Amino acid sequence: MFSYESLEIWQLAIAYAGDIYKITNKFPKYELYGLSSQLQRAGVSVSANIAEGSGAIGLKIN
């Protein structure tokens, strides 16, 4: 079975998400539920989408 975890792009996406968290932790507290949260969710979604897409390989989509 194919593992998305072996993809270099997925590994880079995980590192990217970590970098985003480090950067957004330095943002002002009033941005905690605004820009910081949005950037963090977007960063995590990159690797999640890669993982989700790898699961669709070989599946018939109607």
PDB file of N, CA and C in Angstrom:
ATOM      1  N   MET A   1       0.845  -1.183   0.000  1.00  0.00           N
ATOM      2  CA  MET A   1       0.000   0.000   0.000  1.00  0.00           C
ATOM      3  C   MET A   1       0.888   1.244   0.000  1.00  0.00           C
ATOM      4  N   PHE A   2       0.459   2.235  -0.750  1.00  0.00           N
ATOM      5  CA  PHE A   2       1.197   3.486  -0.872  1.00  0.00           C
ATOM      6  C   PHE A   2       1.037   4.331   0.391  1.00  0.00           C
ATOM      7  N   SER A   3       2.117   4.914   0.838  1.00  0.00           N
ATOM      8  CA  SER A   3       2.075   5.760   2.029  1.00  0.00           C
ATOM      9  C   SER A   3       2.426   7.197   1.662  1.00  0.00           C
ATOM     10  N   TYR A   4       1.503   8.096   1.920  1.00  0.00           N
ATOM     11  CA  TYR A   4       1.747   9.512   1.641  1.00  0.00           C
ATOM     12  C   TYR A   4       2.888  10.054   2.495  1.00  0.00           C
ATOM     13  N   GLU A   5       3.145   9.412   3.624  1.00  0.00           N
ATOM     14  CA  GLU A   5       4.197   9.884   4.525  1.00  0.00           C
ATOM     15  C   GLU A   5       5.581   9.776   3.901  1.00  0.00           C
ATOM     16  N   SER A   6       5.709   8.964   2.853  1.00  0.00           N
ATOM     17  CA  SER A   6       7.007   8.824   2.186  1.00  0.00           C
ATOM     18  C   SER A   6       7.227   9.912   1.133  1.00  0.00           C
ATOM     19  N   LEU A   7       6.191  10.694   0.832  1.00  0.00           N
ATOM     20  CA  LEU A   7       6.325  11.762  -0.153  1.00  0.00           C
ATOM     21  C   LEU A   7       7.108  12.942   0.417  1.00  0.00           C
ATOM     22  N   GLU A   8       8.062  13.410  -0.352  1.00  0.00           N
ATOM     23  CA  GLU A   8       8.857  14.560   0.096  1.00  0.00           C
ATOM     24  C   GLU A   8       7.977  15.800   0.260  1.00  0.00           C
ATOM     25  N   ILE A   9       7.006  15.977  -0.618  1.00  0.00           N
ATOM     26  CA  ILE A   9       6.136  17.151  -0.548  1.00  0.00           C
ATOM     27  C   ILE A   9       5.301  17.141   0.736  1.00  0.00           C
ATOM     28  N   TRP A  10       4.873  15.962   1.185  1.00  0.00           N
ATOM     29  CA  TRP A  10       4.112  15.875   2.434  1.00  0.00           C
ATOM     30  C   TRP A  10       5.007  16.240   3.615  1.00  0.00           C
ATOM     31  N   GLN A  11       6.232  15.761   3.598  1.00  0.00           N
ATOM     32  CA  GLN A  11       7.181  16.069   4.665  1.00  0.00           C
ATOM     33  C   GLN A  11       7.480  17.566   4.709  1.00  0.00           C
ATOM     34  N   LEU A  12       7.608  18.180   3.536  1.00  0.00           N
ATOM     35  CA  LEU A  12       7.824  19.631   3.473  1.00  0.00           C
ATOM     36  C   LEU A  12       6.600  20.387   3.996  1.00  0.00           C
ATOM     37  N   ALA A  13       5.415  19.881   3.694  1.00  0.00           N
ATOM     38  CA  ALA A  13       4.186  20.524   4.162  1.00  0.00           C
ATOM     39  C   ALA A  13       4.089  20.477   5.684  1.00  0.00           C
ATOM     40  N   ILE A  14       4.515  19.387   6.283  1.00  0.00           N
ATOM     41  CA  ILE A  14       4.521  19.278   7.747  1.00  0.00           C
ATOM     42  C   ILE A  14       5.498  20.298   8.340  1.00  0.00           C
ATOM     43  N   ALA A  15       6.669  20.413   7.738  1.00  0.00           N
ATOM     44  CA  ALA A  15       7.654  21.397   8.206  1.00  0.00           C
ATOM     45  C   ALA A  15       7.126  22.817   8.031  1.00  0.00           C
ATOM     46  N   TYR A  16       6.445  23.060   6.913  1.00  0.00           N
ATOM     47  CA  TYR A  16       5.842  24.366   6.627  1.00  0.00           C
ATOM     48  C   TYR A  16       4.818  24.728   7.702  1.00  0.00           C
ATOM     49  N   ALA A  17       3.981  23.784   8.067  1.00  0.00           N
ATOM     50  CA  ALA A  17       2.979  24.031   9.110  1.00  0.00           C
ATOM     51  C   ALA A  17       3.654  24.371  10.440  1.00  0.00           C
ATOM     52  N   GLY A  18       4.722  23.664  10.751  1.00  0.00           N
ATOM     53  CA  GLY A  18       5.474  23.964  11.974  1.00  0.00           C
ATOM     54  C   GLY A  18       6.056  25.368  11.953  1.00  0.00           C
ATOM     55  N   ASP A  19       6.568  25.763  10.795  1.00  0.00           N
ATOM     56  CA  ASP A  19       7.112  27.121  10.655  1.00  0.00           C
ATOM     57  C   ASP A  19       6.020  28.173  10.835  1.00  0.00           C
ATOM     58  N   ILE A  20       4.852  27.907  10.279  1.00  0.00           N
ATOM     59  CA  ILE A  20       3.733  28.850  10.417  1.00  0.00           C
ATOM     60  C   ILE A  20       3.359  29.021  11.881  1.00  0.00           C
ATOM     61  N   TYR A  21       3.309  27.926  12.624  1.00  0.00           N
ATOM     62  CA  TYR A  21       2.980  28.018  14.054  1.00  0.00           C
ATOM     63  C   TYR A  21       4.024  28.840  14.808  1.00  0.00           C
ATOM     64  N   LYS A  22       5.297  28.640  14.473  1.00  0.00           N
ATOM     65  CA  LYS A  22       6.355  29.409  15.141  1.00  0.00           C
ATOM     66  C   LYS A  22       6.221  30.896  14.840  1.00  0.00           C
ATOM     67  N   ILE A  23       5.918  31.224  13.591  1.00  0.00           N
ATOM     68  CA  ILE A  23       5.790  32.628  13.193  1.00  0.00           C
ATOM     69  C   ILE A  23       4.561  33.268  13.827  1.00  0.00           C
ATOM     70  N   THR A  24       3.428  32.565  13.763  1.00  0.00           N
ATOM     71  CA  THR A  24       2.179  33.152  14.277  1.00  0.00           C
ATOM     72  C   THR A  24       2.174  33.262  15.798  1.00  0.00           C
ATOM     73  N   ASN A  25       3.007  32.505  16.478  1.00  0.00           N
ATOM     74  CA  ASN A  25       3.111  32.649  17.937  1.00  0.00           C
ATOM     75  C   ASN A  25       3.709  34.001  18.330  1.00  0.00           C
ATOM     76  N   LYS A  26       4.370  34.642  17.386  1.00  0.00           N
ATOM     77  CA  LYS A  26       4.958  35.955  17.639  1.00  0.00           C
ATOM     78  C   LYS A  26       3.994  37.100  17.303  1.00  0.00           C
ATOM     79  N   PHE A  27       2.843  36.771  16.723  1.00  0.00           N
ATOM     80  CA  PHE A  27       1.852  37.790  16.385  1.00  0.00           C
ATOM     81  C   PHE A  27       1.255  38.377  17.666  1.00  0.00           C
ATOM     82  N   PRO A  28       0.714  39.577  17.593  1.00  0.00           N
ATOM     83  CA  PRO A  28       0.062  40.172  18.764  1.00  0.00           C
ATOM     84  C   PRO A  28      -1.125  39.314  19.221  1.00  0.00           C
ATOM     85  N   LYS A  29      -1.414  39.356  20.501  1.00  0.00           N
ATOM     86  CA  LYS A  29      -2.478  38.534  21.073  1.00  0.00           C
ATOM     87  C   LYS A  29      -3.842  38.845  20.477  1.00  0.00           C
ATOM     88  N   TYR A  30      -4.066  40.083  20.042  1.00  0.00           N
ATOM     89  CA  TYR A  30      -5.377  40.411  19.478  1.00  0.00           C
ATOM     90  C   TYR A  30      -5.605  39.734  18.123  1.00  0.00           C
ATOM     91  N   GLU A  31      -4.562  39.152  17.548  1.00  0.00           N
ATOM     92  CA  GLU A  31      -4.703  38.406  16.295  1.00  0.00           C
ATOM     93  C   GLU A  31      -4.893  36.909  16.531  1.00  0.00           C
ATOM     94  N   LEU A  32      -4.974  36.499  17.787  1.00  0.00           N
ATOM     95  CA  LEU A  32      -5.044  35.078  18.119  1.00  0.00           C
ATOM     96  C   LEU A  32      -6.189  34.370  17.411  1.00  0.00           C
ATOM     97  N   TYR A  33      -7.359  34.986  17.373  1.00  0.00           N
ATOM     98  CA  TYR A  33      -8.525  34.344  16.761  1.00  0.00           C
ATOM     99  C   TYR A  33      -8.811  34.867  15.366  1.00  0.00           C
ATOM    100  N   GLY A  34      -7.927  35.653  14.841  1.00  0.00           N
ATOM    101  CA  GLY A  34      -8.109  36.217  13.508  1.00  0.00           C
ATOM    102  C   GLY A  34      -7.100  35.642  12.539  1.00  0.00           C
ATOM    103  N   LEU A  35      -6.141  36.459  12.193  1.00  0.00           N
ATOM    104  CA  LEU A  35      -5.143  36.096  11.195  1.00  0.00           C
ATOM    105  C   LEU A  35      -4.314  34.880  11.610  1.00  0.00           C
ATOM    106  N   SER A  36      -3.910  34.808  12.868  1.00  0.00           N
ATOM    107  CA  SER A  36      -3.091  33.678  13.339  1.00  0.00           C
ATOM    108  C   SER A  36      -3.807  32.355  13.117  1.00  0.00           C
ATOM    109  N   SER A  37      -5.043  32.310  13.553  1.00  0.00           N
ATOM    110  CA  SER A  37      -5.826  31.083  13.438  1.00  0.00           C
ATOM    111  C   SER A  37      -6.019  30.682  11.982  1.00  0.00           C
ATOM    112  N   GLN A  38      -6.306  31.637  11.137  1.00  0.00           N
ATOM    113  CA  GLN A  38      -6.526  31.349   9.717  1.00  0.00           C
ATOM    114  C   GLN A  38      -5.254  30.818   9.057  1.00  0.00           C
ATOM    115  N   LEU A  39      -4.128  31.430   9.349  1.00  0.00           N
ATOM    116  CA  LEU A  39      -2.856  30.966   8.777  1.00  0.00           C
ATOM    117  C   LEU A  39      -2.511  29.555   9.263  1.00  0.00           C
ATOM    118  N   GLN A  40      -2.754  29.293  10.535  1.00  0.00           N
ATOM    119  CA  GLN A  40      -2.452  27.971  11.082  1.00  0.00           C
ATOM    120  C   GLN A  40      -3.323  26.894  10.438  1.00  0.00           C
ATOM    121  N   ARG A  41      -4.601  27.173  10.289  1.00  0.00           N
ATOM    122  CA  ARG A  41      -5.499  26.201   9.654  1.00  0.00           C
ATOM    123  C   ARG A  41      -5.099  25.955   8.203  1.00  0.00           C
ATOM    124  N   ALA A  42      -4.726  27.014   7.496  1.00  0.00           N
ATOM    125  CA  ALA A  42      -4.316  26.876   6.097  1.00  0.00           C
ATOM    126  C   ALA A  42      -3.035  26.052   5.988  1.00  0.00           C
ATOM    127  N   GLY A  43      -2.102  26.288   6.882  1.00  0.00           N
ATOM    128  CA  GLY A  43      -0.847  25.532   6.857  1.00  0.00           C
ATOM    129  C   GLY A  43      -1.050  24.048   7.093  1.00  0.00           C
ATOM    130  N   VAL A  44      -1.923  23.709   8.026  1.00  0.00           N
ATOM    131  CA  VAL A  44      -2.201  22.303   8.330  1.00  0.00           C
ATOM    132  C   VAL A  44      -2.974  21.647   7.187  1.00  0.00           C
ATOM    133  N   SER A  45      -3.811  22.409   6.518  1.00  0.00           N
ATOM    134  CA  SER A  45      -4.639  21.820   5.471  1.00  0.00           C
ATOM    135  C   SER A  45      -3.825  21.345   4.268  1.00  0.00           C
ATOM    136  N   VAL A  46      -2.645  21.905   4.055  1.00  0.00           N
ATOM    137  CA  VAL A  46      -1.809  21.485   2.929  1.00  0.00           C
ATOM    138  C   VAL A  46      -1.452  20.007   3.069  1.00  0.00           C
ATOM    139  N   SER A  47      -0.907  19.625   4.205  1.00  0.00           N
ATOM    140  CA  SER A  47      -0.525  18.223   4.407  1.00  0.00           C
ATOM    141  C   SER A  47      -1.755  17.321   4.492  1.00  0.00           C
ATOM    142  N   ALA A  48      -2.840  17.823   5.063  1.00  0.00           N
ATOM    143  CA  ALA A  48      -4.068  17.035   5.155  1.00  0.00           C
ATOM    144  C   ALA A  48      -4.643  16.747   3.770  1.00  0.00           C
ATOM    145  N   ASN A  49      -4.586  17.722   2.888  1.00  0.00           N
ATOM    146  CA  ASN A  49      -5.087  17.517   1.531  1.00  0.00           C
ATOM    147  C   ASN A  49      -4.229  16.528   0.753  1.00  0.00           C
ATOM    148  N   ILE A  50      -2.939  16.563   0.973  1.00  0.00           N
ATOM    149  CA  ILE A  50      -2.045  15.599   0.319  1.00  0.00           C
ATOM    150  C   ILE A  50      -2.377  14.191   0.804  1.00  0.00           C
ATOM    151  N   ALA A  51      -2.563  14.036   2.102  1.00  0.00           N
ATOM    152  CA  ALA A  51      -2.905  12.726   2.660  1.00  0.00           C
ATOM    153  C   ALA A  51      -4.255  12.245   2.138  1.00  0.00           C
ATOM    154  N   GLU A  52      -5.214  13.124   2.104  1.00  0.00           N
ATOM    155  CA  GLU A  52      -6.549  12.758   1.618  1.00  0.00           C
ATOM    156  C   GLU A  52      -6.497  12.369   0.143  1.00  0.00           C
ATOM    157  N   GLY A  53      -5.755  13.128  -0.642  1.00  0.00           N
ATOM    158  CA  GLY A  53      -5.640  12.826  -2.054  1.00  0.00           C
ATOM    159  C   GLY A  53      -4.938  11.518  -2.331  1.00  0.00           C
ATOM    160  N   SER A  54      -3.981  11.154  -1.509  1.00  0.00           N
ATOM    161  CA  SER A  54      -3.266   9.890  -1.723  1.00  0.00           C
ATOM    162  C   SER A  54      -4.165   8.703  -1.434  1.00  0.00           C
ATOM    163  N   GLY A  55      -5.150   8.892  -0.568  1.00  0.00           N
ATOM    164  CA  GLY A  55      -6.097   7.822  -0.277  1.00  0.00           C
ATOM    165  C   GLY A  55      -7.068   7.594  -1.418  1.00  0.00           C
ATOM    166  N   ALA A  56      -7.227   8.565  -2.284  1.00  0.00           N
ATOM    167  CA  ALA A  56      -8.166   8.471  -3.400  1.00  0.00           C
ATOM    168  C   ALA A  56      -7.543   7.769  -4.603  1.00  0.00           C
ATOM    169  N   ILE A  57      -6.245   7.512  -4.556  1.00  0.00           N
ATOM    170  CA  ILE A  57      -5.575   6.839  -5.686  1.00  0.00           C
ATOM    171  C   ILE A  57      -6.154   5.437  -5.837  1.00  0.00           C
ATOM    172  N   GLY A  58      -6.595   5.166  -7.011  1.00  0.00           N
ATOM    173  CA  GLY A  58      -7.144   3.833  -7.289  1.00  0.00           C
ATOM    174  C   GLY A  58      -8.624   3.712  -7.010  1.00  0.00           C
ATOM    175  N   LEU A  59      -9.230   4.718  -6.413  1.00  0.00           N
ATOM    176  CA  LEU A  59     -10.659   4.676  -6.159  1.00  0.00           C
ATOM    177  C   LEU A  59     -11.407   5.229  -7.370  1.00  0.00           C
ATOM    178  N   LYS A  60     -12.507   4.602  -7.681  1.00  0.00           N
ATOM    179  CA  LYS A  60     -13.330   5.071  -8.793  1.00  0.00           C
ATOM    180  C   LYS A  60     -14.234   6.182  -8.287  1.00  0.00           C
ATOM    181  N   ILE A  61     -14.134   7.338  -8.909  1.00  0.00           N
ATOM    182  CA  ILE A  61     -14.953   8.483  -8.527  1.00  0.00           C
ATOM    183  C   ILE A  61     -16.071   8.628  -9.546  1.00  0.00           C
ATOM    184  N   ASN A  62     -17.298   8.605  -9.045  1.00  0.00           N
ATOM    185  CA  ASN A  62     -18.455   8.729  -9.961  1.00  0.00           C
ATOM    186  C   ASN A  62     -18.680  10.135 -10.378  1.00  0.00           C
TER     187      ASN A  62
END
